[in-house]
Amino acid sequence: MTKFPDKGWTTSSINRSYKKFRDMGTVDRRQCSDRQRSAACTDDENIDRVNDIESRGPAGTHNTVCEISRETGIPKSSVVRIIVR
């Protein structure tokens, strides 16, 4: 900390980095390759349900993410992921 005062490091951040290096052998972030996405986002049936609800109604209108989530039972974050796709 005294050698690099412009970095803004704290004692706790240095200790955390040291512990991570000691435990893992590196301070790099772990890759979360084992983590799977929510089934609601990857399920073709749910994607079709969201797209059907989106296309209902007069042209130029739309349902909100909350309305779609409430109607389908799919979490809002997954609805957003489906719409943005």
C-alpha atoms as a PDB file:
ATOM      1  CA  MET A   1       0.000   0.000   0.000  1.00  0.00           C
ATOM      2  CA  THR A   2       2.839   2.382   0.742  1.00  0.00           C
ATOM      3  CA  LYS A   3       4.663   1.470  -2.468  1.00  0.00           C
ATOM      4  CA  PHE A   4       1.606   2.212  -4.680  1.00  0.00           C
ATOM      5  CA  PRO A   5      -0.454   4.876  -2.862  1.00  0.00           C
ATOM      6  CA  ASP A   6      -2.250   5.949  -6.061  1.00  0.00           C
ATOM      7  CA  LYS A   7      -3.869   2.496  -6.454  1.00  0.00           C
ATOM      8  CA  GLY A   8      -6.262   2.999  -3.541  1.00  0.00           C
ATOM      9  CA  TRP A   9      -5.727  -0.511  -2.198  1.00  0.00           C
ATOM     10  CA  THR A  10      -6.933  -1.360   1.279  1.00  0.00           C
ATOM     11  CA  THR A  11      -5.582  -3.901   3.722  1.00  0.00           C
ATOM     12  CA  SER A  12      -8.690  -6.049   3.316  1.00  0.00           C
ATOM     13  CA  SER A  13      -8.417  -6.110  -0.507  1.00  0.00           C
ATOM     14  CA  ILE A  14      -4.762  -7.157  -0.304  1.00  0.00           C
ATOM     15  CA  ASN A  15      -5.606  -9.864   2.245  1.00  0.00           C
ATOM     16  CA  ARG A  16      -8.459 -11.102   0.039  1.00  0.00           C
ATOM     17  CA  SER A  17      -6.161 -11.291  -3.011  1.00  0.00           C
ATOM     18  CA  TYR A  18      -3.468 -13.075  -1.001  1.00  0.00           C
ATOM     19  CA  LYS A  19      -5.982 -15.643   0.320  1.00  0.00           C
ATOM     20  CA  LYS A  20      -7.296 -16.221  -3.206  1.00  0.00           C
ATOM     21  CA  PHE A  21      -3.758 -16.726  -4.517  1.00  0.00           C
ATOM     22  CA  ARG A  22      -2.913 -19.069  -1.644  1.00  0.00           C
ATOM     23  CA  ASP A  23      -6.083 -21.154  -2.189  1.00  0.00           C
ATOM     24  CA  MET A  24      -6.261 -21.201  -6.003  1.00  0.00           C
ATOM     25  CA  GLY A  25      -2.725 -20.426  -7.143  1.00  0.00           C
ATOM     26  CA  THR A  26      -3.926 -17.378  -9.083  1.00  0.00           C
ATOM     27  CA  VAL A  27      -5.791 -14.141  -8.481  1.00  0.00           C
ATOM     28  CA  ASP A  28      -7.706 -14.434 -11.772  1.00  0.00           C
ATOM     29  CA  ARG A  29     -11.468 -14.762 -11.623  1.00  0.00           C
ATOM     30  CA  ARG A  30     -12.941 -18.241 -11.810  1.00  0.00           C
ATOM     31  CA  GLN A  31     -14.782 -19.192 -14.949  1.00  0.00           C
ATOM     32  CA  CYS A  32     -18.335 -20.263 -14.222  1.00  0.00           C
ATOM     33  CA  SER A  33     -18.541 -22.787 -17.021  1.00  0.00           C
ATOM     34  CA  ASP A  34     -20.491 -25.202 -14.810  1.00  0.00           C
ATOM     35  CA  ARG A  35     -23.262 -22.689 -14.214  1.00  0.00           C
ATOM     36  CA  GLN A  36     -26.294 -23.372 -16.359  1.00  0.00           C
ATOM     37  CA  ARG A  37     -28.756 -20.783 -17.523  1.00  0.00           C
ATOM     38  CA  SER A  38     -32.286 -20.802 -16.270  1.00  0.00           C
ATOM     39  CA  ALA A  39     -34.499 -23.374 -17.975  1.00  0.00           C
ATOM     40  CA  ALA A  40     -37.109 -20.653 -18.495  1.00  0.00           C
ATOM     41  CA  CYS A  41     -34.799 -18.899 -20.924  1.00  0.00           C
ATOM     42  CA  THR A  42     -33.643 -21.947 -22.864  1.00  0.00           C
ATOM     43  CA  ASP A  43     -36.979 -23.767 -23.064  1.00  0.00           C
ATOM     44  CA  ASP A  44     -38.404 -23.389 -26.603  1.00  0.00           C
ATOM     45  CA  GLU A  45     -41.956 -23.658 -25.291  1.00  0.00           C
ATOM     46  CA  ASN A  46     -41.447 -20.665 -22.984  1.00  0.00           C
ATOM     47  CA  ILE A  47     -39.798 -18.675 -25.778  1.00  0.00           C
ATOM     48  CA  ASP A  48     -42.836 -19.351 -27.981  1.00  0.00           C
ATOM     49  CA  ARG A  49     -45.219 -18.342 -25.157  1.00  0.00           C
ATOM     50  CA  VAL A  50     -43.448 -15.017 -24.654  1.00  0.00           C
ATOM     51  CA  ASN A  51     -43.331 -14.318 -28.396  1.00  0.00           C
ATOM     52  CA  ASP A  52     -47.056 -15.111 -28.747  1.00  0.00           C
ATOM     53  CA  ILE A  53     -47.959 -12.711 -25.942  1.00  0.00           C
ATOM     54  CA  GLU A  54     -45.707 -10.051 -27.447  1.00  0.00           C
ATOM     55  CA  SER A  55     -47.387 -10.294 -30.849  1.00  0.00           C
ATOM     56  CA  ARG A  56     -50.949 -10.021 -29.465  1.00  0.00           C
ATOM     57  CA  GLY A  57     -52.854  -6.761 -29.616  1.00  0.00           C
ATOM     58  CA  PRO A  58     -52.967  -3.867 -32.028  1.00  0.00           C
ATOM     59  CA  ALA A  59     -49.842  -2.843 -33.911  1.00  0.00           C
ATOM     60  CA  GLY A  60     -47.605  -0.433 -32.039  1.00  0.00           C
ATOM     61  CA  THR A  61     -48.671  -1.659 -28.601  1.00  0.00           C
ATOM     62  CA  HIS A  62     -46.899  -4.032 -26.289  1.00  0.00           C
ATOM     63  CA  ASN A  63     -47.185  -5.756 -22.934  1.00  0.00           C
ATOM     64  CA  THR A  64     -44.777  -4.869 -20.178  1.00  0.00           C
ATOM     65  CA  VAL A  65     -42.228  -7.378 -18.920  1.00  0.00           C
ATOM     66  CA  CYS A  66     -44.172  -7.560 -15.645  1.00  0.00           C
ATOM     67  CA  GLU A  67     -47.419  -8.370 -17.461  1.00  0.00           C
ATOM     68  CA  ILE A  68     -45.763 -11.107 -19.524  1.00  0.00           C
ATOM     69  CA  SER A  69     -44.074 -12.509 -16.437  1.00  0.00           C
ATOM     70  CA  ARG A  70     -47.327 -12.538 -14.495  1.00  0.00           C
ATOM     71  CA  GLU A  71     -49.248 -14.208 -17.330  1.00  0.00           C
ATOM     72  CA  THR A  72     -46.665 -16.904 -18.087  1.00  0.00           C
ATOM     73  CA  GLY A  73     -45.141 -17.468 -14.654  1.00  0.00           C
ATOM     74  CA  ILE A  74     -41.660 -16.974 -16.141  1.00  0.00           C
ATOM     75  CA  PRO A  75     -39.280 -14.805 -14.071  1.00  0.00           C
ATOM     76  CA  LYS A  76     -38.933 -11.195 -15.284  1.00  0.00           C
ATOM     77  CA  SER A  77     -35.205 -11.564 -15.896  1.00  0.00           C
ATOM     78  CA  SER A  78     -35.856 -14.545 -18.182  1.00  0.00           C
ATOM     79  CA  VAL A  79     -38.600 -12.674 -20.047  1.00  0.00           C
ATOM     80  CA  VAL A  80     -36.160  -9.844 -20.712  1.00  0.00           C
ATOM     81  CA  ARG A  81     -33.543 -12.345 -21.920  1.00  0.00           C
ATOM     82  CA  ILE A  82     -36.085 -13.913 -24.302  1.00  0.00           C
ATOM     83  CA  ILE A  83     -37.256 -10.558 -25.674  1.00  0.00           C
ATOM     84  CA  VAL A  84     -33.744  -9.221 -26.237  1.00  0.00           C
ATOM     85  CA  ARG A  85     -32.629 -12.362 -28.085  1.00  0.00           C
END
